Amino acid sequence: MITGSINNTMKNKKNLFETFSNWATSATGSSTAFIGATAVVIIWALSGPFFNYSQTWQLVINTGTTIVTFLMVFLIQKSQNKDSKAIHLKLNELLASHQGASNRMVDIEDLTEEELDRLHKFYIELSELAEKEDDLTATHSIDAARENQHRKSSRYSQKNEKPER
């Protein structure tokens, strides 16, 4: 019973933060926010003569922009993480649902850089094999591409080995 209560409390906090984050991302990425930020800078610049362009006057804009930039970095990163996760899930669904696609590609974002480089080399090989295909619309997995290429090579070498009549 207590864990259910804790989970509900955490879920409510997460939903509150998620709601705020979604709102803040949307609001700060709007034309209105840009116009507002531009207005603040113009008002600050116009107030320069009134404050004799003092260090305090300069410190106000420097401090304000630093704080906003600092907070925006985290907001942008959260938004990017969420978007990236959604895109990965959509791609995983497409891969998992397509009969000809290699399921090895599902959830590869957790691979090391070295593993991704090896996988990239496989796709270079797949591209080279595809260039040898007569049918531009043919698609297949890496394994299927190798098998197809091996069969074709075998057939071609068998044809060339037949004695001429």
N, C-alpha and C. Protein backbone atom coordinates (compact mmCIF):
# COMPACT_ATOMS: atom_id res chain seq x y z
N MET A 1 0.83 -1.20 0.00
CA MET A 1 0.00 0.00 0.00
C MET A 1 0.86 1.25 0.00
N ILE A 2 1.95 1.23 0.79
CA ILE A 2 2.84 2.39 0.86
C ILE A 2 3.55 2.59 -0.47
N THR A 3 4.03 1.48 -1.09
CA THR A 3 4.72 1.61 -2.38
C THR A 3 3.79 2.16 -3.44
N GLY A 4 2.53 1.77 -3.41
CA GLY A 4 1.56 2.31 -4.36
C GLY A 4 1.40 3.80 -4.19
N SER A 5 1.38 4.24 -2.93
CA SER A 5 1.26 5.67 -2.63
C SER A 5 2.49 6.43 -3.10
N ILE A 6 3.68 5.84 -2.85
CA ILE A 6 4.92 6.47 -3.29
C ILE A 6 4.96 6.55 -4.81
N ASN A 7 4.59 5.45 -5.48
CA ASN A 7 4.58 5.44 -6.94
C ASN A 7 3.63 6.49 -7.49
N ASN A 8 2.46 6.63 -6.88
CA ASN A 8 1.50 7.65 -7.33
C ASN A 8 2.06 9.05 -7.12
N THR A 9 2.72 9.28 -5.96
CA THR A 9 3.31 10.58 -5.69
C THR A 9 4.40 10.88 -6.71
N MET A 10 5.27 9.89 -6.98
CA MET A 10 6.35 10.08 -7.95
C MET A 10 5.76 10.30 -9.34
N LYS A 11 4.72 9.58 -9.68
CA LYS A 11 4.08 9.73 -10.98
C LYS A 11 3.48 11.12 -11.12
N ASN A 12 2.83 11.61 -10.06
CA ASN A 12 2.27 12.96 -10.09
C ASN A 12 3.36 14.01 -10.26
N LYS A 13 4.48 13.84 -9.54
CA LYS A 13 5.59 14.78 -9.67
C LYS A 13 6.16 14.71 -11.08
N LYS A 14 6.31 13.52 -11.59
CA LYS A 14 6.84 13.34 -12.94
C LYS A 14 5.88 13.99 -13.94
N ASN A 15 4.61 13.77 -13.75
CA ASN A 15 3.64 14.36 -14.66
C ASN A 15 3.66 15.88 -14.57
N LEU A 16 3.83 16.42 -13.37
CA LEU A 16 3.90 17.86 -13.19
C LEU A 16 5.14 18.41 -13.89
N PHE A 17 6.28 17.76 -13.68
CA PHE A 17 7.50 18.20 -14.34
C PHE A 17 7.40 18.03 -15.85
N GLU A 18 6.86 16.90 -16.27
CA GLU A 18 6.68 16.64 -17.70
C GLU A 18 5.77 17.69 -18.32
N THR A 19 4.69 17.99 -17.64
CA THR A 19 3.76 19.01 -18.13
C THR A 19 4.44 20.36 -18.22
N PHE A 20 5.17 20.75 -17.16
CA PHE A 20 5.88 22.02 -17.18
C PHE A 20 6.93 22.04 -18.29
N SER A 21 7.68 20.96 -18.40
CA SER A 21 8.73 20.88 -19.40
C SER A 21 8.17 21.01 -20.81
N ASN A 22 7.08 20.30 -21.08
CA ASN A 22 6.44 20.39 -22.40
C ASN A 22 5.95 21.82 -22.66
N TRP A 23 5.35 22.44 -21.63
CA TRP A 23 4.86 23.80 -21.79
C TRP A 23 6.03 24.76 -22.02
N ALA A 24 7.08 24.63 -21.22
CA ALA A 24 8.23 25.53 -21.33
C ALA A 24 8.93 25.37 -22.68
N THR A 25 9.06 24.15 -23.15
CA THR A 25 9.68 23.91 -24.45
C THR A 25 8.86 24.57 -25.55
N SER A 26 7.57 24.39 -25.47
CA SER A 26 6.69 24.99 -26.47
C SER A 26 6.71 26.52 -26.39
N ALA A 27 6.66 27.03 -25.19
CA ALA A 27 6.62 28.49 -25.00
C ALA A 27 7.92 29.15 -25.42
N THR A 28 9.04 28.58 -25.03
CA THR A 28 10.33 29.21 -25.33
C THR A 28 10.73 29.06 -26.79
N GLY A 29 10.12 28.12 -27.48
CA GLY A 29 10.42 27.93 -28.90
C GLY A 29 9.45 28.68 -29.80
N SER A 30 8.68 29.55 -29.25
CA SER A 30 7.66 30.25 -30.03
C SER A 30 8.16 31.61 -30.52
N SER A 31 7.44 32.15 -31.49
CA SER A 31 7.74 33.50 -32.00
C SER A 31 7.54 34.54 -30.91
N THR A 32 6.54 34.32 -30.07
CA THR A 32 6.26 35.25 -28.98
C THR A 32 7.46 35.35 -28.03
N ALA A 33 8.07 34.22 -27.72
CA ALA A 33 9.23 34.22 -26.83
C ALA A 33 10.40 34.97 -27.47
N PHE A 34 10.59 34.76 -28.76
CA PHE A 34 11.67 35.46 -29.45
C PHE A 34 11.43 36.97 -29.45
N ILE A 35 10.20 37.36 -29.74
CA ILE A 35 9.85 38.78 -29.75
C ILE A 35 10.03 39.37 -28.35
N GLY A 36 9.62 38.63 -27.32
CA GLY A 36 9.79 39.07 -25.94
C GLY A 36 11.25 39.25 -25.57
N ALA A 37 12.10 38.28 -25.96
CA ALA A 37 13.53 38.37 -25.67
C ALA A 37 14.15 39.56 -26.40
N THR A 38 13.73 39.76 -27.64
CA THR A 38 14.22 40.90 -28.42
C THR A 38 13.81 42.21 -27.76
N ALA A 39 12.57 42.27 -27.28
CA ALA A 39 12.07 43.48 -26.60
C ALA A 39 12.88 43.76 -25.33
N VAL A 40 13.20 42.72 -24.57
CA VAL A 40 14.00 42.90 -23.35
C VAL A 40 15.36 43.49 -23.70
N VAL A 41 15.99 42.98 -24.75
CA VAL A 41 17.32 43.48 -25.15
C VAL A 41 17.21 44.93 -25.62
N ILE A 42 16.16 45.25 -26.37
CA ILE A 42 15.99 46.63 -26.85
C ILE A 42 15.76 47.58 -25.68
N ILE A 43 14.90 47.18 -24.74
CA ILE A 43 14.64 48.01 -23.55
C ILE A 43 15.92 48.19 -22.76
N TRP A 44 16.67 47.10 -22.60
CA TRP A 44 17.96 47.19 -21.88
C TRP A 44 18.89 48.16 -22.61
N ALA A 45 19.00 48.05 -23.91
CA ALA A 45 19.91 48.92 -24.67
C ALA A 45 19.46 50.39 -24.58
N LEU A 46 18.16 50.61 -24.68
CA LEU A 46 17.65 51.99 -24.59
C LEU A 46 17.82 52.59 -23.20
N SER A 47 17.88 51.73 -22.19
CA SER A 47 18.04 52.23 -20.82
C SER A 47 19.50 52.54 -20.50
N GLY A 48 20.40 52.22 -21.39
CA GLY A 48 21.83 52.47 -21.17
C GLY A 48 22.16 53.91 -20.82
N PRO A 49 21.68 54.89 -21.59
CA PRO A 49 22.00 56.29 -21.25
C PRO A 49 21.45 56.69 -19.88
N PHE A 50 20.29 56.16 -19.52
CA PHE A 50 19.69 56.49 -18.22
C PHE A 50 20.58 56.02 -17.07
N PHE A 51 21.25 54.87 -17.26
CA PHE A 51 22.13 54.31 -16.22
C PHE A 51 23.60 54.63 -16.49
N ASN A 52 23.85 55.54 -17.43
CA ASN A 52 25.22 55.94 -17.79
C ASN A 52 26.09 54.75 -18.19
N TYR A 53 25.47 53.76 -18.81
CA TYR A 53 26.19 52.56 -19.28
C TYR A 53 27.10 51.99 -18.18
N SER A 54 26.58 51.95 -16.99
CA SER A 54 27.37 51.52 -15.83
C SER A 54 27.65 50.02 -15.88
N GLN A 55 28.54 49.61 -14.99
CA GLN A 55 28.84 48.18 -14.86
C GLN A 55 27.61 47.41 -14.39
N THR A 56 26.85 48.00 -13.52
CA THR A 56 25.62 47.35 -13.04
C THR A 56 24.66 47.14 -14.19
N TRP A 57 24.54 48.14 -15.06
CA TRP A 57 23.67 48.04 -16.23
C TRP A 57 24.11 46.88 -17.12
N GLN A 58 25.42 46.74 -17.34
CA GLN A 58 25.95 45.64 -18.14
C GLN A 58 25.78 44.30 -17.43
N LEU A 59 25.97 44.32 -16.11
CA LEU A 59 25.85 43.10 -15.32
C LEU A 59 24.43 42.54 -15.37
N VAL A 60 23.43 43.40 -15.44
CA VAL A 60 22.03 42.96 -15.50
C VAL A 60 21.81 42.06 -16.72
N ILE A 61 22.22 42.52 -17.90
CA ILE A 61 21.99 41.72 -19.11
C ILE A 61 22.87 40.47 -19.12
N ASN A 62 24.12 40.61 -18.66
CA ASN A 62 25.02 39.45 -18.62
C ASN A 62 24.49 38.36 -17.69
N THR A 63 24.06 38.75 -16.52
CA THR A 63 23.53 37.79 -15.55
C THR A 63 22.24 37.15 -16.07
N GLY A 64 21.35 38.00 -16.58
CA GLY A 64 20.08 37.49 -17.10
C GLY A 64 20.26 36.50 -18.23
N THR A 65 21.10 36.84 -19.18
CA THR A 65 21.30 35.93 -20.32
C THR A 65 22.03 34.66 -19.90
N THR A 66 22.93 34.76 -18.95
CA THR A 66 23.63 33.57 -18.47
C THR A 66 22.66 32.61 -17.78
N ILE A 67 21.80 33.13 -16.95
CA ILE A 67 20.83 32.29 -16.23
C ILE A 67 19.87 31.64 -17.23
N VAL A 68 19.35 32.42 -18.15
CA VAL A 68 18.41 31.88 -19.14
C VAL A 68 19.10 30.81 -19.98
N THR A 69 20.33 31.07 -20.42
CA THR A 69 21.07 30.09 -21.23
C THR A 69 21.30 28.81 -20.44
N PHE A 70 21.71 28.94 -19.20
CA PHE A 70 21.96 27.78 -18.34
C PHE A 70 20.71 26.90 -18.23
N LEU A 71 19.58 27.52 -17.95
CA LEU A 71 18.32 26.77 -17.80
C LEU A 71 17.86 26.18 -19.13
N MET A 72 18.04 26.93 -20.22
CA MET A 72 17.60 26.47 -21.53
C MET A 72 18.38 25.25 -22.00
N VAL A 73 19.65 25.15 -21.63
CA VAL A 73 20.45 23.99 -22.01
C VAL A 73 19.79 22.71 -21.50
N PHE A 74 19.35 22.72 -20.25
CA PHE A 74 18.72 21.54 -19.67
C PHE A 74 17.35 21.27 -20.29
N LEU A 75 16.62 22.32 -20.54
CA LEU A 75 15.30 22.18 -21.16
C LEU A 75 15.42 21.61 -22.57
N ILE A 76 16.35 22.14 -23.33
CA ILE A 76 16.57 21.65 -24.70
C ILE A 76 17.03 20.20 -24.67
N GLN A 77 17.94 19.86 -23.75
CA GLN A 77 18.43 18.49 -23.67
C GLN A 77 17.30 17.52 -23.32
N LYS A 78 16.43 17.91 -22.40
CA LYS A 78 15.32 17.04 -22.04
C LYS A 78 14.41 16.83 -23.24
N SER A 79 14.13 17.89 -23.95
CA SER A 79 13.28 17.81 -25.13
C SER A 79 13.92 16.92 -26.20
N GLN A 80 15.23 17.09 -26.41
CA GLN A 80 15.95 16.27 -27.38
C GLN A 80 15.94 14.80 -26.99
N ASN A 81 16.15 14.53 -25.71
CA ASN A 81 16.13 13.14 -25.23
C ASN A 81 14.78 12.49 -25.49
N LYS A 82 13.72 13.22 -25.20
CA LYS A 82 12.37 12.69 -25.39
C LYS A 82 12.10 12.45 -26.88
N ASP A 83 12.44 13.42 -27.71
CA ASP A 83 12.25 13.25 -29.15
C ASP A 83 13.07 12.09 -29.70
N SER A 84 14.30 12.00 -29.25
CA SER A 84 15.19 10.93 -29.71
C SER A 84 14.63 9.56 -29.32
N LYS A 85 14.15 9.45 -28.09
CA LYS A 85 13.58 8.18 -27.63
C LYS A 85 12.35 7.82 -28.46
N ALA A 86 11.50 8.79 -28.72
CA ALA A 86 10.30 8.54 -29.53
C ALA A 86 10.67 8.09 -30.94
N ILE A 87 11.66 8.73 -31.53
CA ILE A 87 12.10 8.35 -32.88
C ILE A 87 12.66 6.93 -32.88
N HIS A 88 13.48 6.62 -31.87
CA HIS A 88 14.05 5.27 -31.77
C HIS A 88 12.94 4.22 -31.64
N LEU A 89 11.95 4.52 -30.83
CA LEU A 89 10.85 3.57 -30.66
C LEU A 89 10.08 3.38 -31.96
N LYS A 90 9.84 4.46 -32.68
CA LYS A 90 9.14 4.34 -33.96
C LYS A 90 9.96 3.52 -34.95
N LEU A 91 11.26 3.77 -35.01
CA LEU A 91 12.11 3.00 -35.91
C LEU A 91 12.16 1.53 -35.50
N ASN A 92 12.25 1.29 -34.19
CA ASN A 92 12.25 -0.09 -33.70
C ASN A 92 10.97 -0.81 -34.11
N GLU A 93 9.84 -0.11 -34.00
CA GLU A 93 8.56 -0.71 -34.40
C GLU A 93 8.56 -1.04 -35.88
N LEU A 94 9.07 -0.15 -36.70
CA LEU A 94 9.14 -0.42 -38.13
C LEU A 94 10.04 -1.62 -38.43
N LEU A 95 11.18 -1.66 -37.77
CA LEU A 95 12.09 -2.79 -37.98
C LEU A 95 11.46 -4.10 -37.53
N ALA A 96 10.85 -4.07 -36.36
CA ALA A 96 10.27 -5.29 -35.80
C ALA A 96 9.09 -5.78 -36.63
N SER A 97 8.36 -4.86 -37.25
CA SER A 97 7.17 -5.26 -38.00
C SER A 97 7.45 -5.65 -39.44
N HIS A 98 8.61 -5.27 -39.96
CA HIS A 98 8.92 -5.56 -41.36
C HIS A 98 9.62 -6.90 -41.48
N GLN A 99 9.04 -7.80 -42.23
CA GLN A 99 9.55 -9.16 -42.31
C GLN A 99 10.96 -9.22 -42.88
N GLY A 100 11.29 -8.37 -43.82
CA GLY A 100 12.60 -8.41 -44.44
C GLY A 100 13.69 -7.67 -43.69
N ALA A 101 13.32 -6.92 -42.67
CA ALA A 101 14.31 -6.13 -41.94
C ALA A 101 15.05 -6.98 -40.92
N SER A 102 16.29 -6.63 -40.69
CA SER A 102 17.10 -7.35 -39.71
C SER A 102 16.74 -6.87 -38.30
N ASN A 103 16.34 -7.80 -37.44
CA ASN A 103 16.00 -7.45 -36.06
C ASN A 103 17.23 -7.07 -35.24
N ARG A 104 18.40 -7.27 -35.82
CA ARG A 104 19.63 -6.85 -35.13
C ARG A 104 19.68 -5.34 -34.95
N MET A 105 18.93 -4.63 -35.77
CA MET A 105 18.96 -3.17 -35.73
C MET A 105 18.12 -2.58 -34.60
N VAL A 106 17.23 -3.37 -34.04
CA VAL A 106 16.38 -2.87 -32.98
C VAL A 106 17.24 -2.56 -31.75
N ASP A 107 17.10 -1.36 -31.24
CA ASP A 107 17.77 -0.93 -30.02
C ASP A 107 19.29 -0.87 -30.13
N ILE A 108 19.81 -0.48 -31.30
CA ILE A 108 21.26 -0.41 -31.46
C ILE A 108 21.88 0.86 -30.86
N GLU A 109 21.05 1.79 -30.43
CA GLU A 109 21.60 3.03 -29.88
C GLU A 109 22.41 2.80 -28.61
N ASP A 110 22.31 1.61 -28.02
CA ASP A 110 23.07 1.32 -26.82
C ASP A 110 24.42 0.64 -27.12
N LEU A 111 24.73 0.46 -28.41
CA LEU A 111 26.01 -0.15 -28.78
C LEU A 111 27.15 0.82 -28.54
N THR A 112 28.35 0.27 -28.42
CA THR A 112 29.53 1.12 -28.28
C THR A 112 29.86 1.75 -29.63
N GLU A 113 30.72 2.74 -29.62
CA GLU A 113 31.14 3.39 -30.86
C GLU A 113 31.81 2.39 -31.79
N GLU A 114 32.61 1.50 -31.24
CA GLU A 114 33.30 0.48 -32.03
C GLU A 114 32.29 -0.47 -32.68
N GLU A 115 31.28 -0.88 -31.93
CA GLU A 115 30.25 -1.77 -32.48
C GLU A 115 29.46 -1.06 -33.59
N LEU A 116 29.18 0.22 -33.39
CA LEU A 116 28.48 0.98 -34.43
C LEU A 116 29.35 1.11 -35.68
N ASP A 117 30.65 1.29 -35.51
CA ASP A 117 31.55 1.36 -36.66
C ASP A 117 31.56 0.06 -37.45
N ARG A 118 31.57 -1.08 -36.73
CA ARG A 118 31.52 -2.38 -37.42
C ARG A 118 30.21 -2.52 -38.18
N LEU A 119 29.13 -2.12 -37.56
CA LEU A 119 27.83 -2.18 -38.21
C LEU A 119 27.79 -1.28 -39.44
N HIS A 120 28.41 -0.12 -39.33
CA HIS A 120 28.49 0.80 -40.46
C HIS A 120 29.22 0.13 -41.64
N LYS A 121 30.28 -0.61 -41.35
CA LYS A 121 31.01 -1.33 -42.40
C LYS A 121 30.11 -2.36 -43.07
N PHE A 122 29.24 -3.02 -42.28
CA PHE A 122 28.29 -3.96 -42.87
C PHE A 122 27.37 -3.25 -43.87
N TYR A 123 26.93 -2.06 -43.51
CA TYR A 123 26.03 -1.33 -44.40
C TYR A 123 26.75 -0.81 -45.63
N ILE A 124 28.03 -0.53 -45.50
CA ILE A 124 28.81 -0.18 -46.69
C ILE A 124 28.85 -1.40 -47.62
N GLU A 125 29.07 -2.57 -47.02
CA GLU A 125 29.08 -3.81 -47.80
C GLU A 125 27.72 -4.06 -48.44
N LEU A 126 26.65 -3.82 -47.69
CA LEU A 126 25.29 -3.99 -48.21
C LEU A 126 25.06 -3.05 -49.40
N SER A 127 25.55 -1.84 -49.27
CA SER A 127 25.40 -0.87 -50.35
C SER A 127 26.16 -1.33 -51.58
N GLU A 128 27.34 -1.85 -51.38
CA GLU A 128 28.13 -2.36 -52.52
C GLU A 128 27.44 -3.54 -53.17
N LEU A 129 26.85 -4.43 -52.35
CA LEU A 129 26.11 -5.56 -52.91
C LEU A 129 24.87 -5.09 -53.66
N ALA A 130 24.19 -4.09 -53.12
CA ALA A 130 22.99 -3.56 -53.77
C ALA A 130 23.32 -2.92 -55.11
N GLU A 131 24.49 -2.30 -55.21
CA GLU A 131 24.89 -1.70 -56.48
C GLU A 131 25.05 -2.75 -57.57
N LYS A 132 25.34 -3.99 -57.19
CA LYS A 132 25.51 -5.07 -58.16
C LYS A 132 24.17 -5.66 -58.60
N GLU A 133 23.10 -5.33 -57.88
CA GLU A 133 21.77 -5.84 -58.20
C GLU A 133 21.24 -5.20 -59.48
N ASP A 134 20.49 -5.97 -60.25
CA ASP A 134 19.83 -5.43 -61.43
C ASP A 134 18.55 -4.70 -61.05
N ASP A 135 17.90 -5.16 -59.98
CA ASP A 135 16.62 -4.61 -59.55
C ASP A 135 16.86 -3.53 -58.50
N LEU A 136 16.58 -2.29 -58.88
CA LEU A 136 16.82 -1.17 -57.96
C LEU A 136 15.88 -1.17 -56.77
N THR A 137 14.75 -1.88 -56.87
CA THR A 137 13.78 -1.87 -55.78
C THR A 137 13.99 -3.02 -54.80
N ALA A 138 14.95 -3.90 -55.07
CA ALA A 138 15.19 -5.04 -54.19
C ALA A 138 15.82 -4.57 -52.88
N THR A 139 15.25 -5.00 -51.77
CA THR A 139 15.82 -4.69 -50.46
C THR A 139 15.88 -5.96 -49.65
N HIS A 140 16.83 -6.02 -48.75
CA HIS A 140 16.97 -7.20 -47.91
C HIS A 140 17.89 -6.89 -46.75
N SER A 141 17.96 -7.83 -45.83
CA SER A 141 18.82 -7.64 -44.67
C SER A 141 20.26 -7.92 -45.07
N ILE A 142 21.17 -7.64 -44.18
CA ILE A 142 22.59 -7.90 -44.45
C ILE A 142 22.80 -9.38 -44.74
N ASP A 143 22.21 -10.24 -43.91
CA ASP A 143 22.36 -11.68 -44.11
C ASP A 143 21.78 -12.11 -45.45
N ALA A 144 20.59 -11.60 -45.76
CA ALA A 144 19.97 -11.95 -47.03
C ALA A 144 20.79 -11.42 -48.20
N ALA A 145 21.35 -10.25 -48.06
CA ALA A 145 22.19 -9.67 -49.11
C ALA A 145 23.41 -10.55 -49.35
N ARG A 146 24.02 -11.01 -48.30
CA ARG A 146 25.19 -11.90 -48.46
C ARG A 146 24.79 -13.21 -49.13
N GLU A 147 23.68 -13.78 -48.67
CA GLU A 147 23.21 -15.03 -49.27
C GLU A 147 22.89 -14.84 -50.75
N ASN A 148 22.16 -13.78 -51.07
CA ASN A 148 21.83 -13.50 -52.47
C ASN A 148 23.08 -13.31 -53.30
N GLN A 149 24.02 -12.54 -52.79
CA GLN A 149 25.25 -12.28 -53.53
C GLN A 149 26.04 -13.57 -53.71
N HIS A 150 26.10 -14.39 -52.67
CA HIS A 150 26.83 -15.66 -52.75
C HIS A 150 26.19 -16.58 -53.80
N ARG A 151 24.84 -16.68 -53.80
CA ARG A 151 24.15 -17.50 -54.80
C ARG A 151 24.42 -16.99 -56.21
N LYS A 152 24.34 -15.68 -56.37
CA LYS A 152 24.58 -15.10 -57.69
C LYS A 152 26.01 -15.37 -58.15
N SER A 153 26.94 -15.18 -57.22
CA SER A 153 28.34 -15.43 -57.58
C SER A 153 28.56 -16.88 -57.94
N SER A 154 27.92 -17.78 -57.19
CA SER A 154 28.05 -19.21 -57.47
C SER A 154 27.48 -19.54 -58.83
N ARG A 155 26.30 -19.02 -59.13
CA ARG A 155 25.68 -19.26 -60.44
C ARG A 155 26.55 -18.71 -61.56
N TYR A 156 27.09 -17.53 -61.35
CA TYR A 156 27.90 -16.89 -62.38
C TYR A 156 29.18 -17.71 -62.61
N SER A 157 29.82 -18.14 -61.51
CA SER A 157 31.06 -18.92 -61.66
C SER A 157 30.76 -20.28 -62.28
N GLN A 158 29.59 -20.89 -61.99
CA GLN A 158 29.22 -22.17 -62.60
C GLN A 158 29.00 -22.01 -64.10
N LYS A 159 28.39 -20.91 -64.51
CA LYS A 159 28.16 -20.66 -65.93
C LYS A 159 29.48 -20.50 -66.67
N ASN A 160 30.41 -19.81 -66.02
CA ASN A 160 31.71 -19.58 -66.65
C ASN A 160 32.58 -20.82 -66.69
N GLU A 161 32.32 -21.78 -65.79
CA GLU A 161 33.11 -23.01 -65.75
C GLU A 161 32.64 -24.04 -66.77
N LYS A 162 31.45 -23.91 -67.33
CA LYS A 162 30.93 -24.87 -68.28
C LYS A 162 31.77 -24.81 -69.56
N PRO A 163 32.13 -25.98 -70.07
CA PRO A 163 32.94 -26.01 -71.29
C PRO A 163 32.12 -25.50 -72.48
N GLU A 164 32.79 -24.82 -73.38
CA GLU A 164 32.12 -24.32 -74.57
C GLU A 164 31.88 -25.47 -75.54
N ARG A 165 30.80 -25.40 -76.32
CA ARG A 165 30.46 -26.46 -77.27
C ARG A 165 30.81 -26.06 -78.64
